[in-house]
Amino acid sequence: MTLRHLTPRPFQPLMWNHIVEHHRSMLLVPMGMGKTSSVLMAISILLMSGSARKVLVLAPLRVAQSTWPDEVKKWAEFSHLRVSTIVGTPVERLAALKVKADIYTTNYDNLVWLIETVGDKWFWDMVVADECTRTKNFRTKQGGKRAQALSKVAHKHVKRWVGLTGTVVPNGVKDLWGQMWFIDQGARLGSTYTAFMNRWFGFRNAKDAANNSGKAYVERIPFPHAQKEIEVLVKDVCLTLDVKDWFDVKDPVVNTLYVDLPPKQRKHYQEMERELYTVLENNEIEAFGAAAKTIKCLQFASGAAYINGSNDEWVEMHDEKLQALESIIEEAAGASVLVAYHFKSDLARIQRRFPQARVLDKKPQTILDWNEGRIGLLLAHPASAGHGLNLQDGGNILVFFSHWWSLEERQQIVERIGPVRQLQAGHDRPVFIHQIVARNTVDEDVIARISTKQDVQDVLLQALKRRLES
């Protein structure tokens, strides 16, 4: 593989300089603005200057397993960095711990095991908490087990701490305390969560205040002055980049998240491309002709494939795209997300993974609930999101979970929350389009077709020839 040279966009040096200059800091930067490569540049500088020795990156599983190692492999500037990924079985994780590396990546689910295993032999002096909203549930005397375990080493052994997250939205301010504690042990927002809440959050009425005792729980709301005061207090250690300052909001900000098929599923997929059929779990999956073949390949890429002769029975292949979608939702930090799917199996699997999701239907109440912010995750088939449907008030984040050849359908669902509609509705905000793409699959061919408007047959022939020759 030929390494490419990193050409930083104007805002990226701001990120790595912020990390280098602050021992403990947070970056509030939307997905798609090059956070990972910026942090790697900062890590490289700190390692070469002796300001850091070993780095631990905490992230969701897919991000820890693929995104960080892949980013190191991609750029020539990071070719000297050695990465060890601590995931898998306990035996595999122990082996990864013994590897001599500069950067170690692991997922949050492994935190308790990692801290108990390493104990006082903790050797990382820098921690990068990617999608650090995973630490929001920390409390000094209770809270999540993973955050509690992390708190035992965060200030005792770690000299440099970097938190990475998407832009904090107004209804997410209360989640900031736990994340900030890992930076300053409560120096800015209060030594306890209770003190934080009492200072900046109140009750809707006297009845709620009276009920807030014992086991009763009443939702508290921020005071009008809360967000501005909190922003002032954390400003010195937080770098916030607004996409509007760097991109033309007249165009969507498109971000492609690549996922890799697991080895077993990759083999099945290649058989489908080469031989037009494969057998999965004793269910024969055949593709008769090129059209059917591309459908099967797209199903494979998304994570499930229908059994021949059935429109309802399908075999689950992998959950790589579901993990990627989970990362996007986490990065959204409470903002509503619209997800475009194509196959019924996509819909069923997304609903199973995210029970809170709602499906876009023809009921006016559904559209009203979305536009008034009562739906955090809305699932829509592009063919059902056609002309005249206004969804721009509900959000500005669209995810393509699976892909299809129709450029018109894609343009239609983009337009439901598109830049023009945002501006017409008085929303001065960019539109984010995240497309989850399975690497080296027909997914990439669809994206090529959408981008170039080239004939589908030509795109397929070129791509298939390229992959079969590789």
Protein backbone atom coordinates (compact mmCIF):
# COMPACT_ATOMS: atom_id res chain seq x y z
CA MET A 1 0.00 0.00 0.00
CA THR A 2 1.34 3.40 -0.97
CA LEU A 3 1.29 5.85 1.92
CA ARG A 4 -0.22 9.23 1.27
CA HIS A 5 1.05 12.47 2.72
CA LEU A 6 -1.26 14.32 5.06
CA THR A 7 -2.24 17.77 3.84
CA PRO A 8 -3.78 19.41 6.91
CA ARG A 9 -6.84 21.53 6.47
CA PRO A 10 -6.52 25.02 8.00
CA PHE A 11 -8.31 24.11 11.23
CA GLN A 12 -6.33 20.94 12.00
CA PRO A 13 -3.17 22.66 13.32
CA LEU A 14 -5.44 24.41 15.83
CA MET A 15 -6.37 21.00 17.19
CA TRP A 16 -2.91 19.51 17.50
CA ASN A 17 -1.42 22.73 18.90
CA HIS A 18 -4.17 22.84 21.53
CA ILE A 19 -3.32 19.28 22.61
CA VAL A 20 0.42 19.95 22.71
CA GLU A 21 0.01 23.16 24.70
CA HIS A 22 -2.43 21.77 27.31
CA HIS A 23 -1.66 18.84 29.55
CA ARG A 24 -5.38 18.15 29.97
CA SER A 25 -7.95 19.34 27.45
CA MET A 26 -11.05 18.60 25.44
CA LEU A 27 -11.81 18.98 21.73
CA LEU A 28 -15.44 19.63 20.84
CA VAL A 29 -15.29 19.03 17.11
CA PRO A 30 -17.98 17.54 14.81
CA MET A 31 -17.31 14.28 13.02
CA GLY A 32 -15.65 14.68 9.64
CA MET A 33 -13.22 17.45 10.62
CA GLY A 34 -10.14 15.24 10.94
CA LYS A 35 -9.98 14.75 14.71
CA THR A 36 -8.13 11.44 14.55
CA SER A 37 -5.32 12.59 12.25
CA SER A 38 -4.98 15.84 14.24
CA VAL A 39 -4.61 13.95 17.51
CA LEU A 40 -2.09 11.58 15.90
CA MET A 41 -0.03 14.57 14.80
CA ALA A 42 -0.07 15.89 18.36
CA ILE A 43 0.89 12.45 19.71
CA SER A 44 3.76 12.24 17.24
CA ILE A 45 5.06 15.66 18.35
CA LEU A 46 4.74 14.79 22.05
CA LEU A 47 6.46 11.42 21.65
CA MET A 48 9.35 12.87 19.66
CA SER A 49 9.84 15.69 22.18
CA GLY A 50 9.74 13.32 25.13
CA SER A 51 6.61 15.00 26.53
CA ALA A 52 4.78 11.67 26.34
CA ARG A 53 6.03 8.09 26.47
CA LYS A 54 3.09 5.74 25.97
CA VAL A 55 -0.44 6.60 24.83
CA LEU A 56 -3.68 4.79 25.56
CA VAL A 57 -6.64 5.50 23.26
CA LEU A 58 -10.09 4.66 24.62
CA ALA A 59 -12.86 4.38 22.04
CA PRO A 60 -15.92 2.35 21.03
CA LEU A 61 -14.96 -1.09 19.75
CA ARG A 62 -15.08 -0.38 16.01
CA VAL A 63 -13.15 2.86 16.42
CA ALA A 64 -10.49 1.26 18.64
CA GLN A 65 -10.14 -1.81 16.44
CA SER A 66 -10.14 -0.17 13.03
CA THR A 67 -10.31 3.61 12.84
CA TRP A 68 -7.17 4.48 14.82
CA PRO A 69 -4.91 1.72 13.40
CA ASP A 70 -6.16 2.45 9.87
CA GLU A 71 -5.46 6.17 10.23
CA VAL A 72 -1.88 5.43 11.30
CA LYS A 73 -1.39 3.15 8.28
CA LYS A 74 -2.88 5.68 5.88
CA TRP A 75 -0.45 8.58 6.31
CA ALA A 76 3.30 8.65 5.73
CA GLU A 77 3.71 11.12 8.60
CA PHE A 78 2.64 8.44 11.09
CA SER A 79 4.50 5.47 9.64
CA HIS A 80 6.92 5.49 12.60
CA LEU A 81 4.13 5.01 15.14
CA ARG A 82 3.59 1.50 16.46
CA VAL A 83 0.02 0.57 17.42
CA SER A 84 -1.24 -2.34 19.51
CA THR A 85 -4.96 -3.02 19.67
CA ILE A 86 -6.17 -4.47 22.98
CA VAL A 87 -9.42 -6.16 21.98
CA GLY A 88 -10.72 -9.69 21.63
CA THR A 89 -10.47 -12.54 24.11
CA PRO A 90 -8.60 -12.17 27.43
CA VAL A 91 -5.70 -14.14 25.93
CA GLU A 92 -5.58 -11.83 22.89
CA ARG A 93 -5.78 -8.75 25.08
CA LEU A 94 -2.94 -9.95 27.32
CA ALA A 95 -0.81 -10.61 24.25
CA ALA A 96 -1.53 -7.10 22.93
CA LEU A 97 -0.51 -5.61 26.28
CA LYS A 98 2.93 -7.20 25.94
CA VAL A 99 3.56 -5.76 22.48
CA LYS A 100 6.05 -2.89 22.39
CA ALA A 101 4.13 0.01 20.91
CA ASP A 102 3.68 3.77 21.11
CA ILE A 103 -0.10 3.76 21.03
CA TYR A 104 -2.42 1.17 22.55
CA THR A 105 -6.11 1.23 21.64
CA THR A 106 -8.94 -0.46 23.50
CA ASN A 107 -12.69 -0.14 23.86
CA TYR A 108 -14.51 1.23 26.88
CA ASP A 109 -16.03 -2.16 27.68
CA ASN A 110 -12.54 -3.44 28.48
CA LEU A 111 -11.72 -0.66 30.96
CA VAL A 112 -12.49 -2.54 34.18
CA TRP A 113 -10.53 -5.57 32.98
CA LEU A 114 -7.61 -3.43 31.81
CA ILE A 115 -7.26 -1.46 35.04
CA GLU A 116 -7.58 -4.57 37.20
CA THR A 117 -5.04 -6.43 35.04
CA VAL A 118 -2.42 -3.68 34.86
CA GLY A 119 -2.87 -2.46 38.44
CA ASP A 120 0.03 -0.43 39.80
CA LYS A 121 2.07 -1.29 36.70
CA TRP A 122 0.09 1.26 34.69
CA PHE A 123 2.52 2.58 32.06
CA TRP A 124 0.48 5.07 29.99
CA ASP A 125 1.22 8.69 30.77
CA MET A 126 -1.22 10.00 28.12
CA VAL A 127 -4.84 9.00 27.56
CA VAL A 128 -7.05 9.96 24.63
CA ALA A 129 -10.74 9.42 25.40
CA ASP A 130 -12.37 9.27 21.97
CA GLU A 131 -16.12 9.87 22.15
CA CYS A 132 -15.58 10.88 25.76
CA THR A 133 -19.31 11.19 26.35
CA ARG A 134 -18.84 7.55 27.44
CA THR A 135 -17.44 9.02 30.68
CA LYS A 136 -20.40 11.34 31.31
CA ASN A 137 -21.95 9.03 33.92
CA PHE A 138 -19.02 9.33 36.30
CA ARG A 139 -19.91 10.30 39.86
CA THR A 140 -17.45 10.56 42.75
CA LYS A 141 -19.33 7.96 44.80
CA GLN A 142 -21.41 6.13 42.22
CA GLY A 143 -22.10 6.11 38.48
CA GLY A 144 -20.94 3.81 35.71
CA LYS A 145 -18.48 1.02 36.55
CA ARG A 146 -16.17 1.82 33.63
CA ALA A 147 -15.91 5.50 34.50
CA GLN A 148 -15.40 4.63 38.16
CA ALA A 149 -12.54 2.31 37.27
CA LEU A 150 -11.02 4.95 34.99
CA SER A 151 -11.16 7.55 37.76
CA LYS A 152 -8.69 5.51 39.81
CA VAL A 153 -5.90 6.13 37.30
CA ALA A 154 -6.99 9.31 35.51
CA HIS A 155 -5.22 11.73 37.86
CA LYS A 156 -2.91 9.37 39.73
CA HIS A 157 -0.98 8.00 36.75
CA VAL A 158 -1.98 10.06 33.71
CA LYS A 159 -0.14 13.33 33.03
CA ARG A 160 -1.87 14.17 29.74
CA TRP A 161 -5.55 13.72 29.04
CA VAL A 162 -7.43 14.50 25.82
CA GLY A 163 -11.20 14.21 25.55
CA LEU A 164 -12.76 14.07 22.07
CA THR A 165 -16.43 14.60 21.41
CA GLY A 166 -18.91 16.24 19.05
CA THR A 167 -20.21 19.71 19.79
CA VAL A 168 -22.15 19.79 23.05
CA VAL A 169 -25.77 20.68 22.35
CA PRO A 170 -27.94 22.70 24.76
CA ASN A 171 -29.76 19.67 26.19
CA GLY A 172 -26.44 17.95 26.78
CA VAL A 173 -24.88 20.47 29.22
CA LYS A 174 -25.62 18.29 32.24
CA ASP A 175 -23.49 15.54 30.68
CA LEU A 176 -20.43 17.77 30.72
CA TRP A 177 -19.62 17.42 34.42
CA GLY A 178 -18.43 13.81 34.27
CA GLN A 179 -16.31 14.45 31.18
CA MET A 180 -14.71 17.55 32.70
CA TRP A 181 -13.91 15.78 35.96
CA PHE A 182 -11.32 13.69 34.13
CA ILE A 183 -9.66 16.91 33.05
CA ASP A 184 -9.62 18.93 36.29
CA GLN A 185 -11.13 16.80 39.11
CA GLY A 186 -14.04 19.19 39.43
CA ALA A 187 -12.02 22.41 39.69
CA ARG A 188 -14.18 24.25 37.14
CA LEU A 189 -17.67 22.78 37.45
CA GLY A 190 -17.75 21.60 41.04
CA SER A 191 -16.20 18.79 43.05
CA THR A 192 -19.41 16.71 42.95
CA TYR A 193 -22.24 16.21 40.50
CA THR A 194 -24.72 17.32 43.16
CA ALA A 195 -22.93 20.64 43.57
CA PHE A 196 -22.89 21.07 39.80
CA MET A 197 -26.61 20.41 39.49
CA ASN A 198 -27.54 22.67 42.40
CA ARG A 199 -25.57 25.55 40.94
CA TRP A 200 -26.82 25.47 37.35
CA PHE A 201 -30.03 23.43 37.27
CA GLY A 202 -33.41 24.00 38.81
CA PHE A 203 -36.90 22.51 38.96
CA ARG A 204 -39.82 23.36 36.71
CA ASN A 205 -42.03 24.15 39.72
CA ALA A 206 -42.37 23.83 43.49
CA LYS A 207 -44.13 20.46 43.16
CA ASP A 208 -41.15 18.98 41.29
CA ALA A 209 -38.78 20.36 43.93
CA ALA A 210 -40.83 18.77 46.71
CA ASN A 211 -40.92 15.42 44.92
CA ASN A 212 -37.17 15.35 44.42
CA SER A 213 -36.47 13.23 47.46
CA GLY A 214 -35.96 9.61 48.33
CA LYS A 215 -36.28 7.36 45.30
CA ALA A 216 -38.28 9.87 43.32
CA TYR A 217 -36.53 11.39 40.34
CA VAL A 218 -37.53 14.65 38.75
CA GLU A 219 -35.93 16.00 35.59
CA ARG A 220 -34.07 19.23 36.26
CA ILE A 221 -33.62 21.97 33.68
CA PRO A 222 -30.72 24.39 33.23
CA PHE A 223 -31.08 27.95 34.41
CA PRO A 224 -31.10 30.52 31.58
CA HIS A 225 -27.58 31.61 32.47
CA ALA A 226 -26.19 28.07 32.87
CA GLN A 227 -24.78 27.33 29.44
CA LYS A 228 -23.00 30.66 29.02
CA GLU A 229 -21.43 30.47 32.50
CA ILE A 230 -20.31 26.87 31.96
CA GLU A 231 -18.81 27.75 28.59
CA VAL A 232 -16.79 30.58 30.17
CA LEU A 233 -15.47 28.29 32.91
CA VAL A 234 -14.28 25.53 30.58
CA LYS A 235 -13.11 27.78 27.74
CA ASP A 236 -9.42 27.65 28.66
CA VAL A 237 -9.20 23.86 28.32
CA CYS A 238 -11.77 23.28 25.59
CA LEU A 239 -11.31 23.91 21.89
CA THR A 240 -14.61 24.19 20.03
CA LEU A 241 -14.62 24.29 16.24
CA ASP A 242 -17.78 25.42 14.51
CA VAL A 243 -18.08 23.86 11.07
CA LYS A 244 -19.72 27.07 9.79
CA ASP A 245 -16.40 28.88 10.22
CA TRP A 246 -14.59 26.51 7.85
CA PHE A 247 -17.15 25.14 5.39
CA ASP A 248 -19.70 26.74 3.11
CA VAL A 249 -23.02 25.93 4.78
CA LYS A 250 -24.63 26.01 1.34
CA ASP A 251 -23.18 22.55 0.74
CA PRO A 252 -23.59 19.52 3.03
CA VAL A 253 -20.52 18.33 4.93
CA VAL A 254 -20.08 14.77 3.63
CA ASN A 255 -18.22 12.28 5.80
CA THR A 256 -17.53 8.68 4.73
CA LEU A 257 -17.06 6.07 7.44
CA TYR A 258 -15.46 2.89 6.14
CA VAL A 259 -16.05 -0.46 7.80
CA ASP A 260 -14.31 -3.74 7.02
CA LEU A 261 -16.08 -7.07 6.60
CA PRO A 262 -14.84 -9.72 9.07
CA PRO A 263 -12.58 -12.33 7.40
CA LYS A 264 -15.23 -15.06 7.21
CA GLN A 265 -17.81 -12.73 5.72
CA ARG A 266 -15.22 -11.25 3.36
CA LYS A 267 -14.67 -14.75 1.98
CA HIS A 268 -18.41 -15.22 1.41
CA TYR A 269 -18.65 -11.82 -0.23
CA GLN A 270 -15.79 -12.57 -2.60
CA GLU A 271 -17.43 -15.87 -3.52
CA MET A 272 -20.57 -13.96 -4.38
CA GLU A 273 -18.65 -11.59 -6.62
CA ARG A 274 -16.68 -14.36 -8.30
CA GLU A 275 -19.15 -17.24 -8.49
CA LEU A 276 -22.51 -15.49 -8.04
CA TYR A 277 -23.48 -17.68 -5.14
CA THR A 278 -22.36 -18.82 -1.75
CA VAL A 279 -23.77 -20.89 1.06
CA LEU A 280 -24.35 -19.26 4.42
CA GLU A 281 -25.22 -21.31 7.45
CA ASN A 282 -26.69 -24.06 5.25
CA ASN A 283 -28.96 -21.58 3.47
CA GLU A 284 -28.25 -21.29 -0.20
CA ILE A 285 -27.88 -17.67 -1.28
CA GLU A 286 -27.81 -17.41 -5.06
CA ALA A 287 -27.68 -14.47 -7.41
CA PHE A 288 -29.20 -15.00 -10.82
CA GLY A 289 -27.73 -12.44 -13.16
CA ALA A 290 -25.84 -9.24 -12.60
CA ALA A 291 -28.78 -7.26 -11.19
CA ALA A 292 -29.57 -9.84 -8.53
CA LYS A 293 -25.89 -10.18 -7.81
CA THR A 294 -25.46 -6.50 -6.99
CA ILE A 295 -28.49 -6.66 -4.68
CA LYS A 296 -27.01 -9.62 -2.81
CA CYS A 297 -23.65 -7.87 -2.56
CA LEU A 298 -25.26 -4.72 -1.16
CA GLN A 299 -27.12 -6.87 1.36
CA PHE A 300 -23.87 -8.53 2.36
CA ALA A 301 -22.19 -5.15 2.75
CA SER A 302 -24.94 -3.90 5.06
CA GLY A 303 -24.81 -6.97 7.26
CA ALA A 304 -27.56 -9.39 6.19
CA ALA A 305 -28.60 -11.37 3.11
CA TYR A 306 -32.01 -12.67 2.14
CA ILE A 307 -32.57 -16.39 1.64
CA ASN A 308 -33.56 -17.19 -1.93
CA GLY A 309 -37.25 -17.08 -2.62
CA SER A 310 -38.07 -15.11 0.52
CA ASN A 311 -38.69 -11.45 1.17
CA ASP A 312 -38.84 -11.93 4.92
CA GLU A 313 -36.13 -14.44 5.86
CA TRP A 314 -32.54 -13.32 5.99
CA VAL A 315 -29.23 -14.42 7.45
CA GLU A 316 -27.31 -11.97 9.60
CA MET A 317 -23.72 -11.55 8.46
CA HIS A 318 -22.02 -8.89 10.59
CA ASP A 319 -22.75 -5.81 12.70
CA GLU A 320 -19.96 -3.54 11.49
CA LYS A 321 -22.37 -0.91 10.17
CA LEU A 322 -24.44 -1.02 13.35
CA GLN A 323 -21.30 -0.25 15.33
CA ALA A 324 -20.52 2.65 13.00
CA LEU A 325 -24.05 4.00 13.38
CA GLU A 326 -23.71 3.77 17.15
CA SER A 327 -20.56 5.89 16.95
CA ILE A 328 -22.35 8.53 14.88
CA ILE A 329 -25.26 8.68 17.32
CA GLU A 330 -22.81 8.99 20.20
CA GLU A 331 -20.97 11.81 18.42
CA ALA A 332 -24.27 13.60 17.83
CA ALA A 333 -24.34 14.22 21.60
CA GLY A 334 -28.12 14.26 21.84
CA ALA A 335 -28.90 15.89 18.49
CA SER A 336 -31.54 14.12 16.39
CA VAL A 337 -30.33 11.79 13.63
CA LEU A 338 -32.14 10.77 10.43
CA VAL A 339 -31.06 7.36 9.07
CA ALA A 340 -31.69 6.22 5.50
CA TYR A 341 -31.92 2.46 5.00
CA HIS A 342 -32.77 0.36 1.95
CA PHE A 343 -33.53 -3.25 2.89
CA LYS A 344 -36.16 -4.45 5.36
CA SER A 345 -33.42 -6.41 7.09
CA ASP A 346 -31.59 -3.12 7.68
CA LEU A 347 -34.67 -1.68 9.34
CA ALA A 348 -35.22 -4.72 11.55
CA ARG A 349 -31.61 -4.86 12.69
CA ILE A 350 -31.41 -1.12 13.41
CA GLN A 351 -34.64 -1.27 15.42
CA ARG A 352 -33.34 -4.21 17.40
CA ARG A 353 -30.07 -2.40 18.16
CA PHE A 354 -31.76 0.96 18.87
CA PRO A 355 -35.23 0.31 20.37
CA GLN A 356 -35.83 4.05 20.76
CA ALA A 357 -35.86 4.56 16.98
CA ARG A 358 -39.04 5.62 15.20
CA VAL A 359 -39.93 4.86 11.58
CA LEU A 360 -40.97 7.62 9.22
CA ASP A 361 -44.54 6.94 8.16
CA LYS A 362 -47.39 8.94 6.63
CA LYS A 363 -48.83 9.99 9.99
CA PRO A 364 -48.66 13.78 10.49
CA GLN A 365 -47.89 13.20 14.17
CA THR A 366 -44.62 11.44 13.35
CA ILE A 367 -43.39 14.38 11.29
CA LEU A 368 -44.58 16.81 13.98
CA ASP A 369 -42.77 14.84 16.71
CA TRP A 370 -39.56 14.86 14.65
CA ASN A 371 -39.70 18.56 13.89
CA GLU A 372 -40.38 19.39 17.53
CA GLY A 373 -37.39 17.36 18.72
CA ARG A 374 -39.27 14.47 20.32
CA ILE A 375 -37.61 11.82 18.11
CA GLY A 376 -33.91 11.30 18.58
CA LEU A 377 -33.52 8.63 15.88
CA LEU A 378 -35.76 8.53 12.81
CA LEU A 379 -35.49 5.74 10.22
CA ALA A 380 -36.60 6.39 6.66
CA HIS A 381 -36.52 4.61 3.32
CA PRO A 382 -35.48 7.18 0.68
CA ALA A 383 -38.41 6.19 -1.52
CA SER A 384 -40.82 7.21 1.26
CA ALA A 385 -39.16 10.59 1.83
CA GLY A 386 -40.14 12.30 -1.38
CA HIS A 387 -41.32 15.70 -2.51
CA GLY A 388 -43.07 17.99 -0.10
CA LEU A 389 -41.87 16.36 3.11
CA ASN A 390 -40.39 18.93 5.49
CA LEU A 391 -38.02 17.53 8.10
CA GLN A 392 -35.53 20.40 8.39
CA ASP A 393 -36.75 21.66 11.78
CA GLY A 394 -36.05 18.30 13.42
CA GLY A 395 -32.37 18.03 12.66
CA ASN A 396 -29.42 18.45 10.33
CA ILE A 397 -27.72 15.04 10.50
CA LEU A 398 -28.40 12.35 7.89
CA VAL A 399 -26.82 8.89 7.83
CA PHE A 400 -26.86 6.54 4.84
CA PHE A 401 -26.75 3.12 6.52
CA SER A 402 -27.13 1.25 3.21
CA HIS A 403 -26.92 2.36 -0.39
CA TRP A 404 -28.85 2.11 -3.65
CA TRP A 405 -28.26 3.09 -7.25
CA SER A 406 -31.00 5.71 -7.50
CA LEU A 407 -29.50 9.18 -7.51
CA GLU A 408 -32.97 10.73 -7.44
CA GLU A 409 -33.96 8.91 -4.24
CA ARG A 410 -30.74 9.95 -2.57
CA GLN A 411 -31.19 13.58 -3.56
CA GLN A 412 -34.77 13.54 -2.33
CA ILE A 413 -33.97 12.41 1.20
CA VAL A 414 -31.00 14.78 1.41
CA GLU A 415 -33.28 17.63 0.43
CA ARG A 416 -35.69 16.83 3.30
CA ILE A 417 -33.16 18.38 5.72
CA GLY A 418 -30.90 20.01 3.10
CA PRO A 419 -29.01 23.32 3.32
CA VAL A 420 -31.61 25.28 1.34
CA ARG A 421 -34.46 24.13 3.58
CA GLN A 422 -32.36 24.81 6.70
CA LEU A 423 -31.78 28.41 5.62
CA GLN A 424 -35.38 28.90 4.53
CA ALA A 425 -36.51 27.73 7.96
CA GLY A 426 -34.12 30.16 9.67
CA HIS A 427 -31.58 27.57 10.85
CA ASP A 428 -28.04 28.88 10.42
CA ARG A 429 -26.41 25.46 10.66
CA PRO A 430 -24.64 23.06 8.33
CA VAL A 431 -26.04 19.73 7.16
CA PHE A 432 -23.96 16.65 7.94
CA ILE A 433 -24.20 13.58 5.71
CA HIS A 434 -22.50 10.47 7.05
CA GLN A 435 -22.30 7.56 4.62
CA ILE A 436 -21.32 4.19 6.09
CA VAL A 437 -19.45 2.25 3.41
CA ALA A 438 -18.17 -1.32 3.52
CA ARG A 439 -14.69 -1.19 2.06
CA ASN A 440 -13.99 -3.05 -1.22
CA THR A 441 -17.65 -3.84 -1.83
CA VAL A 442 -20.42 -2.71 -4.16
CA ASP A 443 -21.07 0.04 -1.60
CA GLU A 444 -18.08 1.87 -3.08
CA ASP A 445 -19.43 1.37 -6.59
CA VAL A 446 -22.74 2.96 -5.63
CA ILE A 447 -20.93 5.96 -4.16
CA ALA A 448 -18.90 6.23 -7.38
CA ARG A 449 -22.09 6.11 -9.42
CA ILE A 450 -23.74 8.77 -7.24
CA SER A 451 -20.67 11.01 -7.43
CA THR A 452 -20.04 10.75 -11.18
CA LYS A 453 -23.54 9.95 -12.49
CA GLN A 454 -21.81 7.30 -14.59
CA ASP A 455 -23.83 4.45 -16.08
CA VAL A 456 -24.38 1.68 -13.51
CA GLN A 457 -23.16 -1.06 -15.86
CA ASP A 458 -19.91 0.79 -16.61
CA VAL A 459 -19.26 1.38 -12.90
CA LEU A 460 -19.82 -2.29 -12.10
CA LEU A 461 -17.66 -3.62 -14.93
CA GLN A 462 -14.75 -1.36 -14.02
CA ALA A 463 -14.99 -2.11 -10.31
CA LEU A 464 -15.43 -5.85 -10.71
CA LYS A 465 -12.46 -6.05 -13.07
CA ARG A 466 -10.35 -4.06 -10.63
CA ARG A 467 -11.25 -6.23 -7.65
CA LEU A 468 -10.85 -9.53 -9.46
CA GLU A 469 -7.39 -8.52 -10.65
CA SER A 470 -6.24 -7.43 -7.20
